[in-house]
């Protein structure tokens, strides 16, 4: 019975999109499906896989992030929190499948002028720095606007001076870093840290870290774009 409730939730989320795509293809485009058997087996795997993945997040990654955040707060060492945040941000970004795919695509489209390793490493460093800034925000009690506005203004200021290719890539990288691994761990860590510091509200101080994690690799790639231009 425990598996049917999350499976039902996944079906409710996925089926409308699937039905719309199938109806649009049949009624508007009027094209037959290629390999329908493989297509439908893939859809079944998608639904089952998403259900298992979401359960894994709820039972594994989210609780783990919360536990580590609480233990970090109990340590009382700001330097340990910041160092851990950078290493965590860097490491979990390397595990994001969407970033690996983006790096491969960029290397192919640029004919090897910009390697996958370079893109992945710069984005990973950016996420690490973004998580450090986010932890500083929680520790110091800075408002979200006080932190995010200068970062976006800096990105806008760098944009005219960076190459067009890297400008587009920079903002795309911000979206691929907010994937299924980075987001739950970042949110759990931030709210746990805010809960353990006196005078902090988890709903105010603990949230917003994902936005900081997303904009930081954008800035790193824009800076590279300015340097290479």
C-alpha atoms as a PDB file:
ATOM      1  CA  UNK A   1       0.000   0.000   0.000  1.00  0.00           C
ATOM      2  CA  UNK A   2       2.934   2.339   0.756  1.00  0.00           C
ATOM      3  CA  UNK A   3       4.116   2.302  -2.874  1.00  0.00           C
ATOM      4  CA  UNK A   4       0.697   2.938  -4.434  1.00  0.00           C
ATOM      5  CA  UNK A   5       0.223   6.450  -3.020  1.00  0.00           C
ATOM      6  CA  UNK A   6       3.505   7.865  -4.462  1.00  0.00           C
ATOM      7  CA  UNK A   7       2.920   5.947  -7.712  1.00  0.00           C
ATOM      8  CA  UNK A   8      -0.510   7.565  -7.995  1.00  0.00           C
ATOM      9  CA  UNK A   9       1.031  11.019  -7.424  1.00  0.00           C
ATOM     10  CA  UNK A  10       3.580  10.405 -10.180  1.00  0.00           C
ATOM     11  CA  UNK A  11       0.861   9.226 -12.567  1.00  0.00           C
ATOM     12  CA  UNK A  12      -1.185  12.360 -11.880  1.00  0.00           C
ATOM     13  CA  UNK A  13       1.876  14.502 -12.659  1.00  0.00           C
ATOM     14  CA  UNK A  14       3.113  12.653 -15.749  1.00  0.00           C
ATOM     15  CA  UNK A  15      -0.018  11.394 -17.511  1.00  0.00           C
ATOM     16  CA  UNK A  16      -1.466  14.822 -18.485  1.00  0.00           C
ATOM     17  CA  UNK A  17       1.797  15.702 -20.251  1.00  0.00           C
ATOM     18  CA  UNK A  18       1.929  12.328 -22.008  1.00  0.00           C
ATOM     19  CA  UNK A  19      -1.723  12.560 -23.097  1.00  0.00           C
ATOM     20  CA  UNK A  20      -1.209  16.095 -24.408  1.00  0.00           C
ATOM     21  CA  UNK A  21       1.864  15.105 -26.445  1.00  0.00           C
ATOM     22  CA  UNK A  22       0.153  12.032 -27.895  1.00  0.00           C
ATOM     23  CA  UNK A  23      -3.009  13.978 -28.737  1.00  0.00           C
ATOM     24  CA  UNK A  24      -1.053  16.839 -30.328  1.00  0.00           C
ATOM     25  CA  UNK A  25       0.988  14.416 -32.427  1.00  0.00           C
ATOM     26  CA  UNK A  26      -2.123  12.508 -33.575  1.00  0.00           C
ATOM     27  CA  UNK A  27      -4.663  15.325 -34.031  1.00  0.00           C
ATOM     28  CA  UNK A  28      -2.551  18.324 -35.050  1.00  0.00           C
ATOM     29  CA  UNK A  29       0.638  16.942 -36.560  1.00  0.00           C
ATOM     30  CA  UNK A  30      -1.156  13.790 -37.763  1.00  0.00           C
ATOM     31  CA  UNK A  31       2.006  11.706 -37.648  1.00  0.00           C
ATOM     32  CA  UNK A  32       2.295   8.056 -36.600  1.00  0.00           C
ATOM     33  CA  UNK A  33       4.373   7.057 -33.600  1.00  0.00           C
ATOM     34  CA  UNK A  34       7.686   5.415 -34.389  1.00  0.00           C
ATOM     35  CA  UNK A  35       8.461   2.340 -32.279  1.00  0.00           C
ATOM     36  CA  UNK A  36       5.289   2.629 -30.149  1.00  0.00           C
ATOM     37  CA  UNK A  37       6.148  -0.477 -28.118  1.00  0.00           C
ATOM     38  CA  UNK A  38       9.535   0.923 -27.127  1.00  0.00           C
ATOM     39  CA  UNK A  39       7.948   4.324 -26.468  1.00  0.00           C
ATOM     40  CA  UNK A  40       5.309   2.998 -24.086  1.00  0.00           C
ATOM     41  CA  UNK A  41       7.756   0.726 -22.278  1.00  0.00           C
ATOM     42  CA  UNK A  42       9.957   3.787 -21.792  1.00  0.00           C
ATOM     43  CA  UNK A  43       7.024   5.752 -20.371  1.00  0.00           C
ATOM     44  CA  UNK A  44       6.319   2.965 -17.892  1.00  0.00           C
ATOM     45  CA  UNK A  45       9.974   2.975 -16.838  1.00  0.00           C
ATOM     46  CA  UNK A  46       9.821   6.769 -16.478  1.00  0.00           C
ATOM     47  CA  UNK A  47       6.825   6.614 -14.152  1.00  0.00           C
ATOM     48  CA  UNK A  48       8.264   3.786 -12.057  1.00  0.00           C
ATOM     49  CA  UNK A  49      11.714   5.385 -12.003  1.00  0.00           C
ATOM     50  CA  UNK A  50      10.390   8.776 -10.916  1.00  0.00           C
ATOM     51  CA  UNK A  51       8.363   7.152  -8.157  1.00  0.00           C
ATOM     52  CA  UNK A  52      11.382   5.273  -6.821  1.00  0.00           C
ATOM     53  CA  UNK A  53      13.605   8.343  -7.159  1.00  0.00           C
ATOM     54  CA  UNK A  54      11.202  10.607  -5.257  1.00  0.00           C
ATOM     55  CA  UNK A  55      10.881   8.017  -2.498  1.00  0.00           C
ATOM     56  CA  UNK A  56      14.670   7.832  -2.347  1.00  0.00           C
ATOM     57  CA  UNK A  57      14.891  11.602  -1.965  1.00  0.00           C
ATOM     58  CA  UNK A  58      12.291  11.698   0.791  1.00  0.00           C
ATOM     59  CA  UNK A  59      13.792   8.794   2.710  1.00  0.00           C
ATOM     60  CA  UNK A  60      17.490   9.293   1.991  1.00  0.00           C
ATOM     61  CA  UNK A  61      18.934  12.545   0.666  1.00  0.00           C
ATOM     62  CA  UNK A  62      16.596  14.973   2.441  1.00  0.00           C
ATOM     63  CA  UNK A  63      16.952  13.398   5.911  1.00  0.00           C
ATOM     64  CA  UNK A  64      20.720  13.058   5.403  1.00  0.00           C
ATOM     65  CA  UNK A  65      21.039  16.739   4.471  1.00  0.00           C
ATOM     66  CA  UNK A  66      19.015  17.713   7.533  1.00  0.00           C
ATOM     67  CA  UNK A  67      21.097  15.534   9.874  1.00  0.00           C
ATOM     68  CA  UNK A  68      24.403  16.885   8.540  1.00  0.00           C
ATOM     69  CA  UNK A  69      23.103  20.467   8.750  1.00  0.00           C
ATOM     70  CA  UNK A  70      22.091  19.988  12.378  1.00  0.00           C
ATOM     71  CA  UNK A  71      25.442  18.410  13.266  1.00  0.00           C
ATOM     72  CA  UNK A  72      27.336  21.202  11.513  1.00  0.00           C
ATOM     73  CA  UNK A  73      25.420  23.796  13.505  1.00  0.00           C
ATOM     74  CA  UNK A  74      26.183  21.925  16.721  1.00  0.00           C
ATOM     75  CA  UNK A  75      29.914  22.043  15.899  1.00  0.00           C
ATOM     76  CA  UNK A  76      29.823  25.830  16.322  1.00  0.00           C
ATOM     77  CA  UNK A  77      32.592  26.343  13.737  1.00  0.00           C
ATOM     78  CA  UNK A  78      31.743  28.790  10.955  1.00  0.00           C
ATOM     79  CA  UNK A  79      34.920  27.885   9.058  1.00  0.00           C
ATOM     80  CA  UNK A  80      34.021  24.202   9.121  1.00  0.00           C
ATOM     81  CA  UNK A  81      30.533  25.004   7.809  1.00  0.00           C
ATOM     82  CA  UNK A  82      31.930  27.127   4.960  1.00  0.00           C
ATOM     83  CA  UNK A  83      34.658  24.638   3.999  1.00  0.00           C
ATOM     84  CA  UNK A  84      32.179  21.761   4.063  1.00  0.00           C
ATOM     85  CA  UNK A  85      29.713  23.786   1.972  1.00  0.00           C
ATOM     86  CA  UNK A  86      32.256  24.415  -0.784  1.00  0.00           C
ATOM     87  CA  UNK A  87      33.354  20.777  -0.968  1.00  0.00           C
ATOM     88  CA  UNK A  88      29.736  19.598  -0.921  1.00  0.00           C
ATOM     89  CA  UNK A  89      28.644  22.083  -3.600  1.00  0.00           C
ATOM     90  CA  UNK A  90      31.574  21.147  -5.816  1.00  0.00           C
ATOM     91  CA  UNK A  91      31.119  17.406  -5.354  1.00  0.00           C
ATOM     92  CA  UNK A  92      27.369  17.153  -5.806  1.00  0.00           C
ATOM     93  CA  UNK A  93      27.554  19.275  -8.977  1.00  0.00           C
ATOM     94  CA  UNK A  94      29.911  16.763 -10.561  1.00  0.00           C
ATOM     95  CA  UNK A  95      27.214  14.143  -9.965  1.00  0.00           C
ATOM     96  CA  UNK A  96      24.498  16.099 -11.805  1.00  0.00           C
ATOM     97  CA  UNK A  97      23.720  14.155 -15.023  1.00  0.00           C
ATOM     98  CA  UNK A  98      22.317  17.235 -16.773  1.00  0.00           C
ATOM     99  CA  UNK A  99      25.617  19.092 -16.321  1.00  0.00           C
ATOM    100  CA  UNK A 100      27.567  16.177 -17.783  1.00  0.00           C
ATOM    101  CA  UNK A 101      25.228  16.208 -20.784  1.00  0.00           C
ATOM    102  CA  UNK A 102      25.646  19.977 -21.197  1.00  0.00           C
ATOM    103  CA  UNK A 103      29.432  19.670 -21.064  1.00  0.00           C
ATOM    104  CA  UNK A 104      29.422  16.952 -23.724  1.00  0.00           C
ATOM    105  CA  UNK A 105      27.161  18.996 -25.990  1.00  0.00           C
ATOM    106  CA  UNK A 106      29.286  22.135 -25.616  1.00  0.00           C
ATOM    107  CA  UNK A 107      32.460  20.207 -26.464  1.00  0.00           C
ATOM    108  CA  UNK A 108      30.841  18.749 -29.594  1.00  0.00           C
ATOM    109  CA  UNK A 109      29.371  22.062 -30.792  1.00  0.00           C
ATOM    110  CA  UNK A 110      32.607  23.975 -30.188  1.00  0.00           C
ATOM    111  CA  UNK A 111      34.647  21.296 -32.008  1.00  0.00           C
ATOM    112  CA  UNK A 112      36.754  20.756 -28.897  1.00  0.00           C
ATOM    113  CA  UNK A 113      37.653  24.420 -28.367  1.00  0.00           C
ATOM    114  CA  UNK A 114      35.805  24.323 -25.054  1.00  0.00           C
ATOM    115  CA  UNK A 115      36.214  20.983 -23.336  1.00  0.00           C
ATOM    116  CA  UNK A 116      33.628  19.199 -21.254  1.00  0.00           C
ATOM    117  CA  UNK A 117      36.065  19.078 -18.329  1.00  0.00           C
ATOM    118  CA  UNK A 118      36.540  22.863 -18.364  1.00  0.00           C
ATOM    119  CA  UNK A 119      32.798  23.556 -18.379  1.00  0.00           C
ATOM    120  CA  UNK A 120      32.020  21.015 -15.660  1.00  0.00           C
ATOM    121  CA  UNK A 121      34.870  22.143 -13.395  1.00  0.00           C
ATOM    122  CA  UNK A 122      34.031  25.852 -13.647  1.00  0.00           C
ATOM    123  CA  UNK A 123      30.351  25.233 -12.980  1.00  0.00           C
ATOM    124  CA  UNK A 124      31.198  22.960 -10.028  1.00  0.00           C
ATOM    125  CA  UNK A 125      33.463  25.611  -8.504  1.00  0.00           C
ATOM    126  CA  UNK A 126      30.705  28.177  -9.032  1.00  0.00           C
ATOM    127  CA  UNK A 127      28.156  26.034  -7.205  1.00  0.00           C
ATOM    128  CA  UNK A 128      30.619  25.504  -4.357  1.00  0.00           C
ATOM    129  CA  UNK A 129      31.112  29.261  -4.032  1.00  0.00           C
ATOM    130  CA  UNK A 130      27.358  29.819  -4.263  1.00  0.00           C
ATOM    131  CA  UNK A 131      26.728  27.423  -1.396  1.00  0.00           C
ATOM    132  CA  UNK A 132      29.404  29.184   0.660  1.00  0.00           C
ATOM    133  CA  UNK A 133      27.667  32.525   0.040  1.00  0.00           C
ATOM    134  CA  UNK A 134      24.366  30.914   1.001  1.00  0.00           C
ATOM    135  CA  UNK A 135      25.780  29.579   4.262  1.00  0.00           C
ATOM    136  CA  UNK A 136      27.266  33.005   5.026  1.00  0.00           C
ATOM    137  CA  UNK A 137      23.823  34.493   4.447  1.00  0.00           C
ATOM    138  CA  UNK A 138      22.337  32.136   7.031  1.00  0.00           C
ATOM    139  CA  UNK A 139      25.149  32.581   9.566  1.00  0.00           C
ATOM    140  CA  UNK A 140      25.245  36.385   9.298  1.00  0.00           C
ATOM    141  CA  UNK A 141      21.481  36.814   9.025  1.00  0.00           C
ATOM    142  CA  UNK A 142      21.682  38.785   5.767  1.00  0.00           C
ATOM    143  CA  UNK A 143      18.451  39.361   3.904  1.00  0.00           C
ATOM    144  CA  UNK A 144      17.988  37.501   0.618  1.00  0.00           C
ATOM    145  CA  UNK A 145      17.669  40.742  -1.364  1.00  0.00           C
ATOM    146  CA  UNK A 146      20.924  42.067   0.083  1.00  0.00           C
ATOM    147  CA  UNK A 147      22.777  39.069  -1.339  1.00  0.00           C
ATOM    148  CA  UNK A 148      20.993  38.195  -4.583  1.00  0.00           C
ATOM    149  CA  UNK A 149      20.584  41.694  -6.069  1.00  0.00           C
ATOM    150  CA  UNK A 150      24.339  42.515  -6.192  1.00  0.00           C
ATOM    151  CA  UNK A 151      25.058  39.128  -7.774  1.00  0.00           C
ATOM    152  CA  UNK A 152      22.503  39.653 -10.536  1.00  0.00           C
ATOM    153  CA  UNK A 153      23.699  43.226 -11.088  1.00  0.00           C
ATOM    154  CA  UNK A 154      27.245  41.907 -11.446  1.00  0.00           C
ATOM    155  CA  UNK A 155      26.040  39.320 -13.973  1.00  0.00           C
ATOM    156  CA  UNK A 156      24.278  42.023 -15.995  1.00  0.00           C
ATOM    157  CA  UNK A 157      27.407  44.194 -15.869  1.00  0.00           C
ATOM    158  CA  UNK A 158      29.620  41.359 -17.151  1.00  0.00           C
ATOM    159  CA  UNK A 159      27.214  40.274 -19.881  1.00  0.00           C
ATOM    160  CA  UNK A 160      28.167  42.903 -22.535  1.00  0.00           C
ATOM    161  CA  UNK A 161      31.875  42.079 -22.150  1.00  0.00           C
ATOM    162  CA  UNK A 162      31.675  38.279 -22.367  1.00  0.00           C
ATOM    163  CA  UNK A 163      31.665  36.340 -25.618  1.00  0.00           C
ATOM    164  CA  UNK A 164      28.205  35.505 -26.961  1.00  0.00           C
ATOM    165  CA  UNK A 165      28.815  31.771 -26.745  1.00  0.00           C
ATOM    166  CA  UNK A 166      29.841  31.852 -23.106  1.00  0.00           C
ATOM    167  CA  UNK A 167      27.067  34.295 -22.215  1.00  0.00           C
ATOM    168  CA  UNK A 168      24.418  31.861 -23.422  1.00  0.00           C
ATOM    169  CA  UNK A 169      26.213  28.901 -21.865  1.00  0.00           C
ATOM    170  CA  UNK A 170      26.558  30.731 -18.552  1.00  0.00           C
ATOM    171  CA  UNK A 171      22.834  31.203 -18.048  1.00  0.00           C
ATOM    172  CA  UNK A 172      22.059  27.678 -19.269  1.00  0.00           C
ATOM    173  CA  UNK A 173      24.483  26.320 -16.681  1.00  0.00           C
ATOM    174  CA  UNK A 174      22.464  27.944 -13.914  1.00  0.00           C
ATOM    175  CA  UNK A 175      19.467  25.812 -14.781  1.00  0.00           C
ATOM    176  CA  UNK A 176      21.291  22.497 -15.120  1.00  0.00           C
ATOM    177  CA  UNK A 177      22.907  22.888 -11.684  1.00  0.00           C
ATOM    178  CA  UNK A 178      19.525  23.034  -9.955  1.00  0.00           C
ATOM    179  CA  UNK A 179      18.964  19.343 -10.536  1.00  0.00           C
ATOM    180  CA  UNK A 180      17.614  16.408  -8.534  1.00  0.00           C
ATOM    181  CA  UNK A 181      20.739  16.065  -6.398  1.00  0.00           C
ATOM    182  CA  UNK A 182      21.681  19.680  -5.703  1.00  0.00           C
ATOM    183  CA  UNK A 183      18.253  21.106  -4.847  1.00  0.00           C
ATOM    184  CA  UNK A 184      17.089  18.741  -2.068  1.00  0.00           C
ATOM    185  CA  UNK A 185      20.472  18.657  -0.324  1.00  0.00           C
ATOM    186  CA  UNK A 186      20.866  22.449  -0.506  1.00  0.00           C
ATOM    187  CA  UNK A 187      17.377  23.104   0.845  1.00  0.00           C
ATOM    188  CA  UNK A 188      17.698  20.545   3.645  1.00  0.00           C
ATOM    189  CA  UNK A 189      21.119  21.851   4.650  1.00  0.00           C
ATOM    190  CA  UNK A 190      20.008  25.493   4.656  1.00  0.00           C
ATOM    191  CA  UNK A 191      16.845  24.986   6.676  1.00  0.00           C
ATOM    192  CA  UNK A 192      18.627  22.732   9.189  1.00  0.00           C
ATOM    193  CA  UNK A 193      21.387  25.313   9.661  1.00  0.00           C
ATOM    194  CA  UNK A 194      18.876  28.142  10.100  1.00  0.00           C
ATOM    195  CA  UNK A 195      16.891  26.070  12.613  1.00  0.00           C
ATOM    196  CA  UNK A 196      19.978  25.558  14.759  1.00  0.00           C
ATOM    197  CA  UNK A 197      21.065  29.206  14.919  1.00  0.00           C
ATOM    198  CA  UNK A 198      19.284  31.422  17.413  1.00  0.00           C
ATOM    199  CA  UNK A 199      17.268  34.246  15.906  1.00  0.00           C
ATOM    200  CA  UNK A 200      17.059  32.650  12.453  1.00  0.00           C
ATOM    201  CA  UNK A 201      13.801  31.682  10.761  1.00  0.00           C
ATOM    202  CA  UNK A 202      14.145  28.554   8.561  1.00  0.00           C
ATOM    203  CA  UNK A 203      11.458  29.859   6.188  1.00  0.00           C
ATOM    204  CA  UNK A 204      13.247  33.200   5.737  1.00  0.00           C
ATOM    205  CA  UNK A 205      16.941  32.534   6.315  1.00  0.00           C
ATOM    206  CA  UNK A 206      17.069  28.872   5.284  1.00  0.00           C
ATOM    207  CA  UNK A 207      15.464  29.269   1.867  1.00  0.00           C
ATOM    208  CA  UNK A 208      16.822  31.082  -1.195  1.00  0.00           C
ATOM    209  CA  UNK A 209      20.052  29.105  -1.276  1.00  0.00           C
ATOM    210  CA  UNK A 210      19.100  27.374  -4.527  1.00  0.00           C
ATOM    211  CA  UNK A 211      18.946  30.761  -6.273  1.00  0.00           C
ATOM    212  CA  UNK A 212      22.434  31.607  -5.000  1.00  0.00           C
ATOM    213  CA  UNK A 213      23.699  28.225  -6.155  1.00  0.00           C
ATOM    214  CA  UNK A 214      22.183  28.886  -9.599  1.00  0.00           C
ATOM    215  CA  UNK A 215      23.614  32.386 -10.169  1.00  0.00           C
ATOM    216  CA  UNK A 216      27.173  31.668  -8.976  1.00  0.00           C
ATOM    217  CA  UNK A 217      28.238  29.382 -11.865  1.00  0.00           C
ATOM    218  CA  UNK A 218      26.714  31.947 -14.235  1.00  0.00           C
ATOM    219  CA  UNK A 219      29.105  34.543 -12.821  1.00  0.00           C
ATOM    220  CA  UNK A 220      32.084  32.179 -13.037  1.00  0.00           C
ATOM    221  CA  UNK A 221      31.437  31.432 -16.716  1.00  0.00           C
ATOM    222  CA  UNK A 222      30.831  35.104 -17.510  1.00  0.00           C
ATOM    223  CA  UNK A 223      34.160  35.993 -15.908  1.00  0.00           C
ATOM    224  CA  UNK A 224      35.794  33.305 -18.066  1.00  0.00           C
ATOM    225  CA  UNK A 225      34.001  34.764 -21.081  1.00  0.00           C
ATOM    226  CA  UNK A 226      35.419  38.213 -20.348  1.00  0.00           C
ATOM    227  CA  UNK A 227      38.915  36.780 -19.870  1.00  0.00           C
ATOM    228  CA  UNK A 228      38.824  34.823 -23.147  1.00  0.00           C
ATOM    229  CA  UNK A 229      37.336  37.560 -25.290  1.00  0.00           C
END
